[in-house]
PDB file of all heavy atoms in Angstrom:
ATOM      1  N   SER A   1     -81.536 -51.133  -1.110  1.00  0.00           N
ATOM      2  CA  SER A   1     -82.917 -51.646  -1.118  1.00  0.00           C
ATOM      3  C   SER A   1     -83.897 -50.635  -0.388  1.00  0.00           C
ATOM      4  O   SER A   1     -85.119 -50.884  -0.426  1.00  0.00           O
ATOM      5  CB  SER A   1     -83.051 -53.003  -0.483  1.00  0.00           C
ATOM      6  OG  SER A   1     -82.741 -52.881   0.900  1.00  0.00           O
ATOM      7  N   GLY A   2     -83.313 -49.629   0.177  1.00  0.00           N
ATOM      8  CA  GLY A   2     -84.125 -48.743   0.989  1.00  0.00           C
ATOM      9  C   GLY A   2     -84.185 -49.137   2.397  1.00  0.00           C
ATOM     10  O   GLY A   2     -84.707 -48.402   3.261  1.00  0.00           O
ATOM     11  N   SER A   3     -83.663 -50.360   2.705  1.00  0.00           N
ATOM     12  CA  SER A   3     -83.626 -50.817   4.088  1.00  0.00           C
ATOM     13  C   SER A   3     -82.631 -50.063   4.959  1.00  0.00           C
ATOM     14  O   SER A   3     -81.541 -49.727   4.515  1.00  0.00           O
ATOM     15  CB  SER A   3     -83.341 -52.347   4.147  1.00  0.00           C
ATOM     16  OG  SER A   3     -83.188 -52.798   5.428  1.00  0.00           O
ATOM     17  N   GLN A   4     -82.949 -49.863   6.256  1.00  0.00           N
ATOM     18  CA  GLN A   4     -82.023 -49.321   7.202  1.00  0.00           C
ATOM     19  C   GLN A   4     -81.709 -50.295   8.364  1.00  0.00           C
ATOM     20  O   GLN A   4     -81.416 -49.899   9.498  1.00  0.00           O
ATOM     21  CB  GLN A   4     -82.634 -47.943   7.738  1.00  0.00           C
ATOM     22  CG  GLN A   4     -82.696 -46.844   6.706  1.00  0.00           C
ATOM     23  CD  GLN A   4     -81.238 -46.497   6.246  1.00  0.00           C
ATOM     24  OE1 GLN A   4     -80.328 -46.298   7.018  1.00  0.00           O
ATOM     25  NE2 GLN A   4     -81.137 -46.434   4.866  1.00  0.00           N
ATOM     26  N   THR A   5     -81.758 -51.537   8.080  1.00  0.00           N
ATOM     27  CA  THR A   5     -81.427 -52.558   8.971  1.00  0.00           C
ATOM     28  C   THR A   5     -79.907 -52.818   9.029  1.00  0.00           C
ATOM     29  O   THR A   5     -79.346 -53.275   8.001  1.00  0.00           O
ATOM     30  CB  THR A   5     -82.208 -53.877   8.763  1.00  0.00           C
ATOM     31  OG1 THR A   5     -83.597 -53.624   8.695  1.00  0.00           O
ATOM     32  CG2 THR A   5     -81.866 -54.965   9.765  1.00  0.00           C
ATOM     33  N   TRP A   6     -79.340 -52.592  10.194  1.00  0.00           N
ATOM     34  CA  TRP A   6     -77.873 -52.756  10.327  1.00  0.00           C
ATOM     35  C   TRP A   6     -77.610 -53.897  11.270  1.00  0.00           C
ATOM     36  O   TRP A   6     -78.407 -54.209  12.213  1.00  0.00           O
ATOM     37  CB  TRP A   6     -77.237 -51.543  10.910  1.00  0.00           C
ATOM     38  CG  TRP A   6     -77.240 -50.337   9.967  1.00  0.00           C
ATOM     39  CD1 TRP A   6     -78.227 -49.497   9.689  1.00  0.00           C
ATOM     40  CD2 TRP A   6     -76.095 -49.941   9.137  1.00  0.00           C
ATOM     41  NE1 TRP A   6     -77.867 -48.539   8.730  1.00  0.00           N
ATOM     42  CE2 TRP A   6     -76.546 -48.785   8.422  1.00  0.00           C
ATOM     43  CE3 TRP A   6     -74.794 -50.352   9.038  1.00  0.00           C
ATOM     44  CZ2 TRP A   6     -75.706 -48.095   7.577  1.00  0.00           C
ATOM     45  CZ3 TRP A   6     -73.984 -49.685   8.116  1.00  0.00           C
ATOM     46  CH2 TRP A   6     -74.405 -48.571   7.408  1.00  0.00           C
ATOM     47  N   ALA A   7     -76.495 -54.630  11.063  1.00  0.00           N
ATOM     48  CA  ALA A   7     -75.999 -55.681  11.955  1.00  0.00           C
ATOM     49  C   ALA A   7     -74.686 -55.229  12.531  1.00  0.00           C
ATOM     50  O   ALA A   7     -73.747 -54.818  11.820  1.00  0.00           O
ATOM     51  CB  ALA A   7     -75.839 -56.980  11.216  1.00  0.00           C
ATOM     52  N   ALA A   8     -74.548 -55.403  13.873  1.00  0.00           N
ATOM     53  CA  ALA A   8     -73.369 -54.980  14.519  1.00  0.00           C
ATOM     54  C   ALA A   8     -72.476 -56.146  14.962  1.00  0.00           C
ATOM     55  O   ALA A   8     -73.017 -57.230  15.260  1.00  0.00           O
ATOM     56  CB  ALA A   8     -73.692 -54.099  15.755  1.00  0.00           C
ATOM     57  N   TYR A   9     -71.158 -55.911  14.942  1.00  0.00           N
ATOM     58  CA  TYR A   9     -70.152 -57.021  15.281  1.00  0.00           C
ATOM     59  C   TYR A   9     -69.041 -56.401  16.061  1.00  0.00           C
ATOM     60  O   TYR A   9     -68.725 -55.177  15.926  1.00  0.00           O
ATOM     61  CB  TYR A   9     -69.617 -57.669  14.050  1.00  0.00           C
ATOM     62  CG  TYR A   9     -70.606 -58.246  13.076  1.00  0.00           C
ATOM     63  CD1 TYR A   9     -71.322 -57.484  12.169  1.00  0.00           C
ATOM     64  CD2 TYR A   9     -70.880 -59.615  13.097  1.00  0.00           C
ATOM     65  CE1 TYR A   9     -72.215 -58.037  11.303  1.00  0.00           C
ATOM     66  CE2 TYR A   9     -71.770 -60.177  12.213  1.00  0.00           C
ATOM     67  CZ  TYR A   9     -72.456 -59.379  11.350  1.00  0.00           C
ATOM     68  OH  TYR A   9     -73.332 -59.969  10.436  1.00  0.00           O
ATOM     69  N   GLU A  10     -68.363 -57.223  16.837  1.00  0.00           N
ATOM     70  CA  GLU A  10     -67.144 -56.885  17.524  1.00  0.00           C
ATOM     71  C   GLU A  10     -66.182 -58.003  17.337  1.00  0.00           C
ATOM     72  O   GLU A  10     -66.569 -59.175  17.361  1.00  0.00           O
ATOM     73  CB  GLU A  10     -67.368 -56.563  19.004  1.00  0.00           C
ATOM     74  CG  GLU A  10     -68.038 -55.281  19.305  1.00  0.00           C
ATOM     75  CD  GLU A  10     -68.037 -54.896  20.718  1.00  0.00           C
ATOM     76  OE1 GLU A  10     -67.368 -55.659  21.553  1.00  0.00           O
ATOM     77  OE2 GLU A  10     -68.636 -53.901  21.152  1.00  0.00           O
ATOM     78  N   GLY A  11     -64.926 -57.729  17.116  1.00  0.00           N
ATOM     79  CA  GLY A  11     -63.898 -58.735  16.955  1.00  0.00           C
ATOM     80  C   GLY A  11     -62.570 -58.207  16.890  1.00  0.00           C
ATOM     81  O   GLY A  11     -62.191 -57.150  17.518  1.00  0.00           O
ATOM     82  N   THR A  12     -61.658 -58.962  16.290  1.00  0.00           N
ATOM     83  CA  THR A  12     -60.183 -58.612  16.205  1.00  0.00           C
ATOM     84  C   THR A  12     -59.713 -58.704  14.808  1.00  0.00           C
ATOM     85  O   THR A  12     -60.108 -59.606  14.001  1.00  0.00           O
ATOM     86  CB  THR A  12     -59.449 -59.597  17.078  1.00  0.00           C
ATOM     87  OG1 THR A  12     -59.893 -59.579  18.387  1.00  0.00           O
ATOM     88  CG2 THR A  12     -57.948 -59.336  17.082  1.00  0.00           C
ATOM     89  N   SER A  13     -58.908 -57.699  14.407  1.00  0.00           N
ATOM     90  CA  SER A  13     -58.215 -57.706  13.161  1.00  0.00           C
ATOM     91  C   SER A  13     -56.674 -57.827  13.330  1.00  0.00           C
ATOM     92  O   SER A  13     -56.155 -57.113  14.245  1.00  0.00           O
ATOM     93  CB  SER A  13     -58.503 -56.453  12.335  1.00  0.00           C
ATOM     94  OG  SER A  13     -59.783 -56.338  11.980  1.00  0.00           O
ATOM     95  N   VAL A  14     -56.081 -58.740  12.673  1.00  0.00           N
ATOM     96  CA  VAL A  14     -54.586 -58.944  12.774  1.00  0.00           C
ATOM     97  C   VAL A  14     -54.069 -58.596  11.371  1.00  0.00           C
ATOM     98  O   VAL A  14     -54.479 -59.209  10.313  1.00  0.00           O
ATOM     99  CB  VAL A  14     -54.231 -60.345  13.156  1.00  0.00           C
ATOM    100  CG1 VAL A  14     -52.720 -60.538  13.173  1.00  0.00           C
ATOM    101  CG2 VAL A  14     -54.839 -60.725  14.534  1.00  0.00           C
ATOM    102  N   VAL A  15     -53.095 -57.640  11.306  1.00  0.00           N
ATOM    103  CA  VAL A  15     -52.562 -57.192  10.041  1.00  0.00           C
ATOM    104  C   VAL A  15     -51.056 -57.514   9.998  1.00  0.00           C
ATOM    105  O   VAL A  15     -50.324 -57.070  10.837  1.00  0.00           O
ATOM    106  CB  VAL A  15     -52.738 -55.679   9.840  1.00  0.00           C
ATOM    107  CG1 VAL A  15     -52.294 -55.260   8.428  1.00  0.00           C
ATOM    108  CG2 VAL A  15     -54.257 -55.282  10.113  1.00  0.00           C
ATOM    109  N   ARG A  16     -50.637 -58.248   9.006  1.00  0.00           N
ATOM    110  CA  ARG A  16     -49.257 -58.675   8.890  1.00  0.00           C
ATOM    111  C   ARG A  16     -48.618 -58.043   7.657  1.00  0.00           C
ATOM    112  O   ARG A  16     -49.228 -58.081   6.515  1.00  0.00           O
ATOM    113  CB  ARG A  16     -49.132 -60.188   8.769  1.00  0.00           C
ATOM    114  CG  ARG A  16     -49.626 -60.969   9.969  1.00  0.00           C
ATOM    115  CD  ARG A  16     -49.586 -62.422   9.869  1.00  0.00           C
ATOM    116  NE  ARG A  16     -49.972 -63.183  11.021  1.00  0.00           N
ATOM    117  CZ  ARG A  16     -51.213 -63.473  11.356  1.00  0.00           C
ATOM    118  NH1 ARG A  16     -52.204 -63.138  10.529  1.00  0.00           N
ATOM    119  NH2 ARG A  16     -51.489 -64.132  12.451  1.00  0.00           N
ATOM    120  N   LYS A  17     -47.410 -57.549   7.754  1.00  0.00           N
ATOM    121  CA  LYS A  17     -46.684 -56.940   6.661  1.00  0.00           C
ATOM    122  C   LYS A  17     -46.043 -58.042   5.830  1.00  0.00           C
ATOM    123  O   LYS A  17     -45.448 -59.036   6.362  1.00  0.00           O
ATOM    124  CB  LYS A  17     -45.580 -55.988   7.180  1.00  0.00           C
ATOM    125  CG  LYS A  17     -44.795 -55.352   6.103  1.00  0.00           C
ATOM    126  CD  LYS A  17     -43.598 -54.539   6.683  1.00  0.00           C
ATOM    127  CE  LYS A  17     -44.061 -53.322   7.427  1.00  0.00           C
ATOM    128  NZ  LYS A  17     -42.855 -52.445   7.812  1.00  0.00           N
ATOM    129  N   LEU A  18     -46.099 -57.856   4.501  1.00  0.00           N
ATOM    130  CA  LEU A  18     -45.393 -58.786   3.540  1.00  0.00           C
ATOM    131  C   LEU A  18     -44.562 -57.931   2.581  1.00  0.00           C
ATOM    132  O   LEU A  18     -44.833 -56.777   2.318  1.00  0.00           O
ATOM    133  CB  LEU A  18     -46.480 -59.570   2.739  1.00  0.00           C
ATOM    134  CG  LEU A  18     -47.487 -60.362   3.540  1.00  0.00           C
ATOM    135  CD1 LEU A  18     -48.581 -60.914   2.593  1.00  0.00           C
ATOM    136  CD2 LEU A  18     -46.872 -61.531   4.238  1.00  0.00           C
ATOM    137  N   TRP A  19     -43.518 -58.519   2.007  1.00  0.00           N
ATOM    138  CA  TRP A  19     -42.699 -57.905   0.980  1.00  0.00           C
ATOM    139  C   TRP A  19     -42.176 -56.522   1.436  1.00  0.00           C
ATOM    140  O   TRP A  19     -42.212 -55.589   0.628  1.00  0.00           O
ATOM    141  CB  TRP A  19     -43.474 -57.860  -0.315  1.00  0.00           C
ATOM    142  CG  TRP A  19     -43.904 -59.129  -0.945  1.00  0.00           C
ATOM    143  CD1 TRP A  19     -43.449 -60.365  -0.588  1.00  0.00           C
ATOM    144  CD2 TRP A  19     -44.851 -59.337  -1.940  1.00  0.00           C
ATOM    145  NE1 TRP A  19     -44.104 -61.324  -1.279  1.00  0.00           N
ATOM    146  CE2 TRP A  19     -44.930 -60.760  -2.159  1.00  0.00           C
ATOM    147  CE3 TRP A  19     -45.693 -58.466  -2.637  1.00  0.00           C
ATOM    148  CZ2 TRP A  19     -45.796 -61.218  -3.095  1.00  0.00           C
ATOM    149  CZ3 TRP A  19     -46.570 -58.995  -3.597  1.00  0.00           C
ATOM    150  CH2 TRP A  19     -46.595 -60.337  -3.803  1.00  0.00           C
ATOM    151  N   ASN A  20     -41.782 -56.426   2.650  1.00  0.00           N
ATOM    152  CA  ASN A  20     -41.201 -55.178   3.213  1.00  0.00           C
ATOM    153  C   ASN A  20     -42.213 -54.014   3.054  1.00  0.00           C
ATOM    154  O   ASN A  20     -41.801 -52.881   2.810  1.00  0.00           O
ATOM    155  CB  ASN A  20     -39.948 -54.855   2.515  1.00  0.00           C
ATOM    156  CG  ASN A  20     -39.168 -53.690   3.215  1.00  0.00           C
ATOM    157  OD1 ASN A  20     -39.250 -53.605   4.397  1.00  0.00           O
ATOM    158  ND2 ASN A  20     -38.401 -52.892   2.437  1.00  0.00           N
ATOM    159  N   GLY A  21     -43.522 -54.276   3.201  1.00  0.00           N
ATOM    160  CA  GLY A  21     -44.527 -53.220   3.095  1.00  0.00           C
ATOM    161  C   GLY A  21     -45.240 -53.081   1.845  1.00  0.00           C
ATOM    162  O   GLY A  21     -46.222 -52.430   1.767  1.00  0.00           O
ATOM    163  N   ARG A  22     -44.760 -53.809   0.813  1.00  0.00           N
ATOM    164  CA  ARG A  22     -45.486 -53.672  -0.511  1.00  0.00           C
ATOM    165  C   ARG A  22     -46.707 -54.511  -0.562  1.00  0.00           C
ATOM    166  O   ARG A  22     -47.442 -54.484  -1.608  1.00  0.00           O
ATOM    167  CB  ARG A  22     -44.502 -54.041  -1.645  1.00  0.00           C
ATOM    168  CG  ARG A  22     -43.238 -53.108  -1.803  1.00  0.00           C
ATOM    169  CD  ARG A  22     -42.488 -53.414  -3.058  1.00  0.00           C
ATOM    170  NE  ARG A  22     -42.127 -54.769  -3.224  1.00  0.00           N
ATOM    171  CZ  ARG A  22     -41.076 -55.317  -2.597  1.00  0.00           C
ATOM    172  NH1 ARG A  22     -40.291 -54.628  -1.807  1.00  0.00           N
ATOM    173  NH2 ARG A  22     -40.768 -56.591  -2.844  1.00  0.00           N
ATOM    174  N   ALA A  23     -46.966 -55.206   0.481  1.00  0.00           N
ATOM    175  CA  ALA A  23     -48.288 -56.023   0.579  1.00  0.00           C
ATOM    176  C   ALA A  23     -48.470 -56.294   2.074  1.00  0.00           C
ATOM    177  O   ALA A  23     -47.582 -56.181   2.883  1.00  0.00           O
ATOM    178  CB  ALA A  23     -48.115 -57.362  -0.191  1.00  0.00           C
ATOM    179  N   ASN A  24     -49.740 -56.503   2.397  1.00  0.00           N
ATOM    180  CA  ASN A  24     -50.115 -56.915   3.777  1.00  0.00           C
ATOM    181  C   ASN A  24     -51.335 -57.781   3.737  1.00  0.00           C
ATOM    182  O   ASN A  24     -52.103 -57.759   2.754  1.00  0.00           O
ATOM    183  CB  ASN A  24     -50.210 -55.714   4.646  1.00  0.00           C
ATOM    184  CG  ASN A  24     -51.268 -54.733   4.240  1.00  0.00           C
ATOM    185  OD1 ASN A  24     -52.452 -54.968   4.501  1.00  0.00           O
ATOM    186  ND2 ASN A  24     -50.858 -53.663   3.625  1.00  0.00           N
ATOM    187  N   LEU A  25     -51.523 -58.458   4.789  1.00  0.00           N
ATOM    188  CA  LEU A  25     -52.651 -59.428   4.866  1.00  0.00           C
ATOM    189  C   LEU A  25     -53.402 -59.119   6.181  1.00  0.00           C
ATOM    190  O   LEU A  25     -52.854 -58.991   7.255  1.00  0.00           O
ATOM    191  CB  LEU A  25     -52.134 -60.890   4.993  1.00  0.00           C
ATOM    192  CG  LEU A  25     -53.112 -61.984   4.847  1.00  0.00           C
ATOM    193  CD1 LEU A  25     -53.831 -62.012   3.536  1.00  0.00           C
ATOM    194  CD2 LEU A  25     -52.592 -63.347   5.133  1.00  0.00           C
ATOM    195  N   VAL A  26     -54.737 -58.918   5.990  1.00  0.00           N
ATOM    196  CA  VAL A  26     -55.660 -58.672   7.137  1.00  0.00           C
ATOM    197  C   VAL A  26     -56.536 -59.818   7.371  1.00  0.00           C
ATOM    198  O   VAL A  26     -57.184 -60.316   6.524  1.00  0.00           O
ATOM    199  CB  VAL A  26     -56.535 -57.393   6.776  1.00  0.00           C
ATOM    200  CG1 VAL A  26     -57.355 -57.030   8.031  1.00  0.00           C
ATOM    201  CG2 VAL A  26     -55.667 -56.194   6.381  1.00  0.00           C
ATOM    202  N   GLU A  27     -56.582 -60.294   8.630  1.00  0.00           N
ATOM    203  CA  GLU A  27     -57.476 -61.343   9.077  1.00  0.00           C
ATOM    204  C   GLU A  27     -58.420 -60.756  10.119  1.00  0.00           C
ATOM    205  O   GLU A  27     -58.020 -60.291  11.148  1.00  0.00           O
ATOM    206  CB  GLU A  27     -56.662 -62.480   9.670  1.00  0.00           C
ATOM    207  CG  GLU A  27     -55.829 -63.261   8.732  1.00  0.00           C
ATOM    208  CD  GLU A  27     -55.081 -64.396   9.357  1.00  0.00           C
ATOM    209  OE1 GLU A  27     -55.679 -65.458   9.517  1.00  0.00           O
ATOM    210  OE2 GLU A  27     -53.897 -64.248   9.708  1.00  0.00           O
ATOM    211  N   LEU A  28     -59.682 -60.801   9.763  1.00  0.00           N
ATOM    212  CA  LEU A  28     -60.700 -60.236  10.651  1.00  0.00           C
ATOM    213  C   LEU A  28     -61.675 -61.343  11.114  1.00  0.00           C
ATOM    214  O   LEU A  28     -62.184 -62.046  10.233  1.00  0.00           O
ATOM    215  CB  LEU A  28     -61.565 -59.120   9.919  1.00  0.00           C
ATOM    216  CG  LEU A  28     -62.828 -58.698  10.597  1.00  0.00           C
ATOM    217  CD1 LEU A  28     -62.592 -58.086  11.938  1.00  0.00           C
ATOM    218  CD2 LEU A  28     -63.610 -57.756   9.688  1.00  0.00           C
TER     219      LEU A  28
END
């Protein structure tokens, strides 16, 4: 849109391995 308005955040991501590495799930 041409806008330069940014929103900042801080938090936690938890990443779990599935199917011996062939998939994974990220919760942010």
